[in-house]
Amino acid sequence: FQHKTFNAKTKSEAFIVCDSMLKRIKRMFACILAWLLFFYTTLYPFCLRHESVNYFLQQTFHRGAAICTIQKDGVKYLDEWVDYNFAIGFEKIYIYDNSDNFELRKWYEGRSRNADQIDIKHFPGEARQQESIGDCGKAIKRKRSHSWIAFIDIDEFIVFKESPKKYHNIMDLLDTVSPSAGGLAINWEFFLFNNQTKYEPKPVTKRFQSRGNPDIHVKTIARTSKFASQGITPHNVLYTDGAESVDTSGNYLHEEPWFNPKLTTDVVVLQHFYTKSIEEFQLRCARGRADIAKQNVLTVPLYCMNKTEIMTQLPEAKDRVFDDSAWQVLKESLPEVYAKYDGEDMI
C-alpha cells in the first residue's frame, strides 16, 4: 500500500471544501424549512377553503363511513342496533366497552354476522364518553380507513325520511354534503315509553313505534379529514381550520354546534329511543351515564325517580305519530332474523 501524506496546504484546501459544503447544506435546510412554513401557514389553509382542492384531499381517505360508540350494560340491544347500521351502509363499527368486566367480549365471540366489521375495545372508568370520541376519531383518521365517522349511541338510529325515500344508503346522503363542511348534524326525534312498563326480549324498533316531536339536539357525522378532537358535549366534535357542521339544508351550525333550532328533519333524522320501558329507564340509575361522573350529578336524575315522578317529568307527547320506519328497514334487511316478530302480533 502507498501512504499518501497531506501537507498544510492540502489540509487547508480540504477544510475550505468542507466548510463550503456545510454552508450549502445549511442553505438547503433553510429553504426546506421556509417552504414548509409557507405551506402550513399560507398554502394549506388556502387550499382548505377551496372545494375543488378539498375534494382532492378527501380522496386520500377510503370512501366509506364508520361508527364510533360507547356502551355499558347494553348487550341485549346490540345485535339489533349493529344489524340496522350495516343495513343502511356503514362499513365498520367501533364499540368502546365501558363495563368493568369487558362484557362485550362474550357477545363478540358469539356474534356470527359481520364480525369482521366490528371492533371492540375495553374502556372502563367514569365519564369516558368524550374521551372515547377523541380516541376513536383520531385512530380512524391516522389509518385513513374511512372518510366519515358517525358518533352516535346504541339507542339512536339514523332514519332516512321523504316519501318516496331519496336515500337508502348513508354514503349516498353524505356525498351530498358540501366539501367545505366539517360534518353533517342530524336532529333528534324522541321515542319515549309508549305505555310500556316492562322489558320485553324483542327489538326496540318493533316495541316502540310512536314518536314525539323533533328535538333541537343533534348528533354528528364528521368528515374524517377535518376531524380534530371531541367537542365539549357528545353532540358535536371539533374540526380543523375552523370548519363547521351543516344540516341537510346547508345551514351551518355556528355558535352552539350541539343544537339545530331549525329542526331540519325532512331528509334524515336520528330516532332516539331515550327511555324504552319504565323498567329499563330505571335500570339506568344503577348504571350511570358514560358522559357524566356520578359525583358531578347535582340533581337526582330522572331515571332514579319513581314511576309517578318519571311520568310527570317525561309525559308522552299528545300529538305522537306512528312511525315504524326503522323497524321496516331492519326487517327487510334480515327477514330471516326479524320477520318472526311481526308474526307474533298475529298470534
Protein backbone atom coordinates (compact mmCIF):
# COMPACT_ATOMS: atom_id res chain seq x y z
CA PHE A 1 0.00 0.00 0.00
CA GLN A 2 1.13 3.51 -0.73
CA HIS A 3 0.60 6.03 2.03
CA LYS A 4 -0.43 9.48 0.93
CA THR A 5 0.72 12.36 3.10
CA PHE A 6 -1.06 15.70 3.46
CA ASN A 7 0.83 18.93 3.92
CA ALA A 8 -0.62 22.08 5.50
CA LYS A 9 -1.78 23.46 2.18
CA THR A 10 -3.71 20.30 1.31
CA LYS A 11 -5.38 20.28 4.72
CA SER A 12 -6.36 23.92 4.36
CA GLU A 13 -7.97 23.28 0.99
CA ALA A 14 -9.89 20.32 2.44
CA PHE A 15 -11.25 22.47 5.27
CA ILE A 16 -12.37 25.09 2.77
CA VAL A 17 -14.21 22.46 0.72
CA CYS A 18 -15.91 21.03 3.83
CA ASP A 19 -16.89 24.47 5.05
CA SER A 20 -18.39 25.27 1.65
CA MET A 21 -20.38 22.04 1.66
CA LEU A 22 -21.72 22.71 5.17
CA LYS A 23 -22.87 26.17 4.13
CA ARG A 24 -24.69 24.70 1.13
CA ILE A 25 -26.39 22.09 3.34
CA LYS A 26 -27.46 24.79 5.80
CA ARG A 27 -28.89 26.91 2.97
CA MET A 28 -30.74 23.86 1.61
CA PHE A 29 -32.31 23.09 5.02
CA ALA A 30 -33.20 26.75 5.46
CA CYS A 31 -35.04 26.67 2.12
CA ILE A 32 -36.88 23.48 3.08
CA LEU A 33 -37.96 24.96 6.42
CA ALA A 34 -39.08 28.17 4.73
CA TRP A 35 -41.13 26.20 2.23
CA LEU A 36 -42.75 24.07 4.96
CA LEU A 37 -43.57 27.20 6.95
CA PHE A 38 -45.15 28.79 3.88
CA PHE A 39 -47.12 25.63 3.09
CA TYR A 40 -48.63 25.15 6.55
CA THR A 41 -49.31 28.83 7.29
CA THR A 42 -50.46 30.03 3.87
CA LEU A 43 -50.89 27.46 1.13
CA TYR A 44 -52.57 24.66 3.13
CA PRO A 45 -55.26 26.88 4.73
CA PHE A 46 -55.84 28.47 1.31
CA CYS A 47 -56.40 25.04 -0.22
CA LEU A 48 -58.82 24.02 2.50
CA ARG A 49 -61.05 26.98 1.64
CA HIS A 50 -61.50 25.83 -1.95
CA GLU A 51 -63.93 22.99 -2.58
CA SER A 52 -62.10 21.50 -5.57
CA VAL A 53 -58.88 21.14 -3.57
CA ASN A 54 -60.87 19.96 -0.57
CA TYR A 55 -62.39 17.25 -2.69
CA PHE A 56 -58.95 16.11 -3.85
CA LEU A 57 -57.58 15.98 -0.30
CA GLN A 58 -60.55 13.95 0.90
CA GLN A 59 -59.99 11.31 -1.76
CA THR A 60 -56.91 10.17 0.14
CA PHE A 61 -59.31 8.63 2.68
CA HIS A 62 -61.08 5.38 1.86
CA ARG A 63 -64.63 6.21 0.78
CA GLY A 64 -66.90 4.81 3.42
CA ALA A 65 -68.49 5.50 6.78
CA ALA A 66 -67.78 4.10 10.24
CA ILE A 67 -69.43 4.48 13.64
CA CYS A 68 -67.76 5.18 16.97
CA THR A 69 -69.85 4.43 20.05
CA ILE A 70 -69.54 3.57 23.73
CA GLN A 71 -71.78 1.21 25.68
CA LYS A 72 -72.35 -0.10 29.18
CA ASP A 73 -74.85 -2.81 30.13
CA GLY A 74 -76.42 -2.63 26.67
CA VAL A 75 -75.52 -6.03 25.26
CA LYS A 76 -79.14 -7.15 24.83
CA TYR A 77 -79.75 -4.24 22.45
CA LEU A 78 -76.56 -4.50 20.39
CA ASP A 79 -77.45 -7.08 17.74
CA GLU A 80 -80.43 -5.07 16.54
CA TRP A 81 -78.51 -1.79 16.51
CA VAL A 82 -75.48 -3.26 14.74
CA ASP A 83 -77.63 -5.06 12.14
CA TYR A 84 -79.53 -1.85 11.42
CA ASN A 85 -76.42 0.24 10.85
CA PHE A 86 -74.90 -2.29 8.49
CA ALA A 87 -78.24 -2.37 6.65
CA ILE A 88 -78.04 1.37 5.89
CA GLY A 89 -74.48 1.17 4.60
CA PHE A 90 -71.99 1.66 7.43
CA GLU A 91 -68.84 -0.37 6.81
CA LYS A 92 -67.32 -0.60 10.28
CA ILE A 93 -68.48 -0.17 13.87
CA TYR A 94 -66.07 0.60 16.71
CA ILE A 95 -67.60 -0.15 20.10
CA TYR A 96 -65.92 1.06 23.28
CA ASP A 97 -66.98 -1.09 26.22
CA ASN A 98 -67.35 0.97 29.39
CA SER A 99 -68.26 -2.03 31.56
CA ASP A 100 -65.88 -3.10 34.31
CA ASN A 101 -65.75 -6.74 33.22
CA PHE A 102 -65.46 -6.30 29.42
CA GLU A 103 -68.92 -7.74 28.80
CA LEU A 104 -68.63 -7.26 25.04
CA ARG A 105 -66.01 -9.96 24.71
CA LYS A 106 -68.53 -12.77 25.18
CA TRP A 107 -71.06 -11.01 22.93
CA TYR A 108 -68.47 -10.56 20.18
CA GLU A 109 -67.30 -14.18 20.36
CA GLY A 110 -70.89 -15.32 19.85
CA ARG A 111 -71.59 -12.91 17.01
CA SER A 112 -71.56 -14.53 13.55
CA ARG A 113 -72.91 -11.75 11.31
CA ASN A 114 -70.41 -9.09 10.17
CA ALA A 115 -67.95 -9.97 12.94
CA ASP A 116 -65.03 -8.79 10.80
CA GLN A 117 -66.67 -5.36 10.55
CA ILE A 118 -66.84 -4.84 14.31
CA ASP A 119 -64.02 -3.72 16.60
CA ILE A 120 -64.40 -3.76 20.38
CA LYS A 121 -62.19 -2.06 22.95
CA HIS A 122 -62.35 -2.29 26.73
CA PHE A 123 -62.66 1.25 28.06
CA PRO A 124 -63.75 1.18 31.74
CA GLY A 125 -63.99 4.15 34.08
CA GLU A 126 -66.35 7.01 34.86
CA ALA A 127 -67.35 9.68 32.35
CA ARG A 128 -65.26 8.44 29.41
CA GLN A 129 -67.64 9.08 26.52
CA GLN A 130 -65.90 12.25 25.38
CA GLU A 131 -62.51 10.58 25.64
CA SER A 132 -63.74 7.63 23.56
CA ILE A 133 -64.90 10.02 20.81
CA GLY A 134 -61.46 11.59 20.58
CA ASP A 135 -59.62 8.28 20.75
CA CYS A 136 -61.75 6.58 18.11
CA GLY A 137 -61.87 9.53 15.73
CA LYS A 138 -58.12 10.10 15.81
CA ALA A 139 -57.39 6.40 15.30
CA ILE A 140 -59.57 6.28 12.18
CA LYS A 141 -58.00 9.48 10.86
CA ARG A 142 -54.48 8.09 11.31
CA LYS A 143 -55.41 4.95 9.37
CA ARG A 144 -57.40 6.90 6.74
CA SER A 145 -59.71 3.90 6.76
CA HIS A 146 -63.00 5.80 6.37
CA SER A 147 -63.96 9.20 5.03
CA TRP A 148 -66.81 9.70 7.54
CA ILE A 149 -67.33 8.90 11.23
CA ALA A 150 -70.73 8.89 12.96
CA PHE A 151 -70.65 9.50 16.70
CA ILE A 152 -73.94 8.06 17.91
CA ASP A 153 -75.20 5.95 20.83
CA ILE A 154 -76.70 2.47 20.79
CA ASP A 155 -80.19 3.85 21.41
CA GLU A 156 -80.03 6.10 18.33
CA PHE A 157 -81.00 5.08 14.78
CA ILE A 158 -80.32 7.14 11.65
CA VAL A 159 -83.54 7.11 9.61
CA PHE A 160 -83.98 8.46 6.08
CA LYS A 161 -87.18 10.43 5.53
CA GLU A 162 -89.15 11.62 2.49
CA SER A 163 -91.75 9.67 0.59
CA PRO A 164 -90.63 8.04 -1.56
CA LYS A 165 -87.25 7.84 0.15
CA LYS A 166 -84.48 9.66 -1.65
CA TYR A 167 -81.71 7.80 0.17
CA HIS A 168 -81.28 4.22 1.32
CA ASN A 169 -77.53 4.19 1.92
CA ILE A 170 -75.64 6.50 4.27
CA MET A 171 -72.91 7.25 1.73
CA ASP A 172 -75.42 8.46 -0.85
CA LEU A 173 -76.52 11.07 1.69
CA LEU A 174 -73.02 12.01 2.81
CA ASP A 175 -71.89 12.51 -0.79
CA THR A 176 -74.27 15.50 -0.95
CA VAL A 177 -72.57 17.35 1.93
CA SER A 178 -70.51 20.36 0.86
CA PRO A 179 -66.77 19.50 0.75
CA SER A 180 -66.02 22.59 2.85
CA ALA A 181 -68.26 21.42 5.72
CA GLY A 182 -66.75 19.65 8.69
CA GLY A 183 -69.62 17.22 9.04
CA LEU A 184 -73.35 16.61 8.99
CA ALA A 185 -75.55 17.43 12.00
CA ILE A 186 -78.73 15.36 12.40
CA ASN A 187 -81.64 16.34 14.66
CA TRP A 188 -83.14 14.00 17.23
CA GLU A 189 -86.65 12.58 17.20
CA PHE A 190 -87.72 11.19 20.58
CA PHE A 191 -89.39 7.88 21.33
CA LEU A 192 -90.48 7.55 24.96
CA PHE A 193 -92.32 4.85 26.94
CA ASN A 194 -95.19 4.11 24.54
CA ASN A 195 -97.16 2.99 27.63
CA GLN A 196 -94.73 0.14 28.29
CA THR A 197 -93.65 -0.59 31.85
CA LYS A 198 -91.59 -3.79 31.48
CA TYR A 199 -88.75 -5.04 29.31
CA GLU A 200 -89.60 -7.48 26.52
CA PRO A 201 -86.99 -9.54 24.61
CA LYS A 202 -87.98 -8.02 21.27
CA PRO A 203 -86.28 -5.46 19.02
CA VAL A 204 -86.52 -1.90 20.28
CA THR A 205 -87.62 -0.61 16.88
CA LYS A 206 -90.51 -3.10 16.97
CA ARG A 207 -91.59 -2.34 20.54
CA PHE A 208 -91.58 1.46 20.26
CA GLN A 209 -93.23 2.91 17.17
CA SER A 210 -94.89 6.06 18.45
CA ARG A 211 -92.68 9.14 18.32
CA GLY A 212 -92.89 12.64 19.65
CA ASN A 213 -91.71 15.92 18.18
CA PRO A 214 -88.23 16.66 16.78
CA ASP A 215 -85.67 17.99 19.25
CA ILE A 216 -83.09 20.74 18.77
CA HIS A 217 -80.23 18.47 19.89
CA VAL A 218 -78.11 16.94 17.14
CA LYS A 219 -75.53 14.24 16.73
CA THR A 220 -72.65 14.47 14.30
CA ILE A 221 -71.29 12.52 11.36
CA ALA A 222 -67.83 14.03 10.96
CA ARG A 223 -65.72 14.24 7.83
CA THR A 224 -62.59 12.35 8.85
CA SER A 225 -60.17 14.64 7.04
CA LYS A 226 -61.43 17.59 9.12
CA PHE A 227 -61.83 15.83 12.47
CA ALA A 228 -59.65 17.33 15.23
CA SER A 229 -60.96 16.06 18.57
CA GLN A 230 -64.04 15.58 20.72
CA GLY A 231 -66.19 18.62 21.47
CA ILE A 232 -67.43 19.80 24.85
CA THR A 233 -70.55 17.61 24.55
CA PRO A 234 -71.23 14.21 22.94
CA HIS A 235 -73.33 16.06 20.36
CA ASN A 236 -70.53 17.79 18.48
CA VAL A 237 -66.85 17.46 17.60
CA LEU A 238 -64.08 19.95 16.89
CA TYR A 239 -62.78 20.37 13.35
CA THR A 240 -59.53 21.59 11.84
CA ASP A 241 -59.21 25.07 10.34
CA GLY A 242 -62.46 26.35 11.79
CA ALA A 243 -64.73 24.04 9.81
CA GLU A 244 -68.34 23.63 10.98
CA SER A 245 -71.17 21.13 10.70
CA VAL A 246 -74.11 21.68 8.38
CA ASP A 247 -77.61 20.25 8.23
CA THR A 248 -79.12 18.73 5.09
CA SER A 249 -80.38 22.16 4.00
CA GLY A 250 -76.83 23.54 4.04
CA ASN A 251 -77.30 25.62 7.20
CA TYR A 252 -74.09 25.93 9.22
CA LEU A 253 -74.17 25.41 12.98
CA HIS A 254 -72.12 28.32 14.31
CA GLU A 255 -72.27 29.29 17.97
CA GLU A 256 -73.77 26.16 19.54
CA PRO A 257 -72.95 23.21 17.26
CA TRP A 258 -74.80 20.76 19.53
CA PHE A 259 -78.13 22.45 18.70
CA ASN A 260 -80.02 22.99 15.46
CA PRO A 261 -83.15 25.07 16.26
CA LYS A 262 -84.17 24.88 12.59
CA LEU A 263 -85.23 21.27 13.24
CA THR A 264 -84.15 20.08 9.81
CA THR A 265 -85.83 16.67 9.68
CA ASP A 266 -87.18 16.42 6.14
CA VAL A 267 -84.32 14.28 4.79
CA VAL A 268 -82.83 12.38 7.72
CA VAL A 269 -83.36 12.17 11.49
CA LEU A 270 -81.77 10.45 14.44
CA GLN A 271 -84.51 8.49 16.16
CA HIS A 272 -83.62 8.42 19.85
CA PHE A 273 -85.19 5.60 21.87
CA TYR A 274 -84.42 7.51 25.03
CA THR A 275 -86.33 5.70 27.75
CA LYS A 276 -87.62 2.38 26.44
CA SER A 277 -89.93 0.98 29.15
CA ILE A 278 -90.20 2.37 32.69
CA GLU A 279 -88.31 -0.65 34.00
CA GLU A 280 -85.45 -0.22 31.53
CA PHE A 281 -85.25 3.51 32.17
CA GLN A 282 -84.93 2.99 35.92
CA LEU A 283 -82.12 0.46 35.42
CA ARG A 284 -80.00 3.37 34.23
CA CYS A 285 -79.92 4.66 37.81
CA ALA A 286 -77.55 1.88 38.88
CA ARG A 287 -75.58 2.00 35.65
CA GLY A 288 -74.98 5.76 35.48
CA ARG A 289 -74.02 7.73 32.40
CA ALA A 290 -70.90 7.41 30.27
CA ASP A 291 -70.54 11.18 29.85
CA ILE A 292 -71.05 12.45 33.44
CA ALA A 293 -69.29 11.25 36.58
CA LYS A 294 -71.62 10.35 39.47
CA GLN A 295 -70.09 12.97 41.75
CA ASN A 296 -70.84 15.68 39.15
CA VAL A 297 -74.59 14.99 39.02
CA LEU A 298 -76.06 17.89 41.03
CA THR A 299 -79.71 16.82 40.97
CA VAL A 300 -81.47 13.48 41.14
CA PRO A 301 -81.52 12.08 37.58
CA LEU A 302 -84.94 11.32 36.13
CA TYR A 303 -84.18 7.63 35.90
CA CYS A 304 -83.58 7.50 39.66
CA MET A 305 -87.12 8.71 40.42
CA ASN A 306 -90.20 6.54 40.94
CA LYS A 307 -92.67 5.73 38.18
CA THR A 308 -95.10 8.54 39.02
CA GLU A 309 -92.35 11.16 39.12
CA ILE A 310 -90.87 9.91 35.85
CA MET A 311 -94.21 10.06 34.03
CA THR A 312 -94.78 13.57 35.38
CA GLN A 313 -91.38 14.79 34.24
CA LEU A 314 -91.44 12.93 30.91
CA PRO A 315 -95.04 12.96 29.69
CA GLU A 316 -95.76 11.38 26.34
CA ALA A 317 -96.36 13.93 23.58
CA LYS A 318 -100.08 14.43 22.93
CA ASP A 319 -99.53 14.54 19.18
CA ARG A 320 -97.47 11.37 18.91
CA VAL A 321 -97.04 9.94 15.42
CA PHE A 322 -96.90 6.28 14.42
CA ASP A 323 -93.51 5.64 12.83
CA ASP A 324 -92.11 2.17 12.14
CA SER A 325 -89.51 3.34 9.59
CA ALA A 326 -86.51 1.89 11.42
CA TRP A 327 -88.29 -1.40 12.03
CA GLN A 328 -89.19 -1.80 8.35
CA VAL A 329 -85.57 -1.25 7.28
CA LEU A 330 -84.31 -3.77 9.82
CA LYS A 331 -86.91 -6.40 8.96
CA GLU A 332 -86.36 -6.07 5.21
CA SER A 333 -82.58 -6.33 5.57
CA LEU A 334 -82.67 -9.56 7.62
CA PRO A 335 -86.13 -11.12 7.28
CA GLU A 336 -84.83 -14.49 8.43
CA VAL A 337 -83.96 -12.91 11.79
CA TYR A 338 -86.63 -10.27 12.36
CA ALA A 339 -89.79 -11.08 10.37
CA LYS A 340 -90.91 -13.54 13.07
CA TYR A 341 -91.63 -10.65 15.45
CA ASP A 342 -94.36 -9.37 13.16
CA GLY A 343 -95.83 -12.86 13.18
CA GLU A 344 -96.07 -12.78 16.97
CA ASP A 345 -98.55 -9.90 16.73
CA MET A 346 -100.97 -12.16 14.87
CA ILE A 347 -100.95 -14.93 17.47
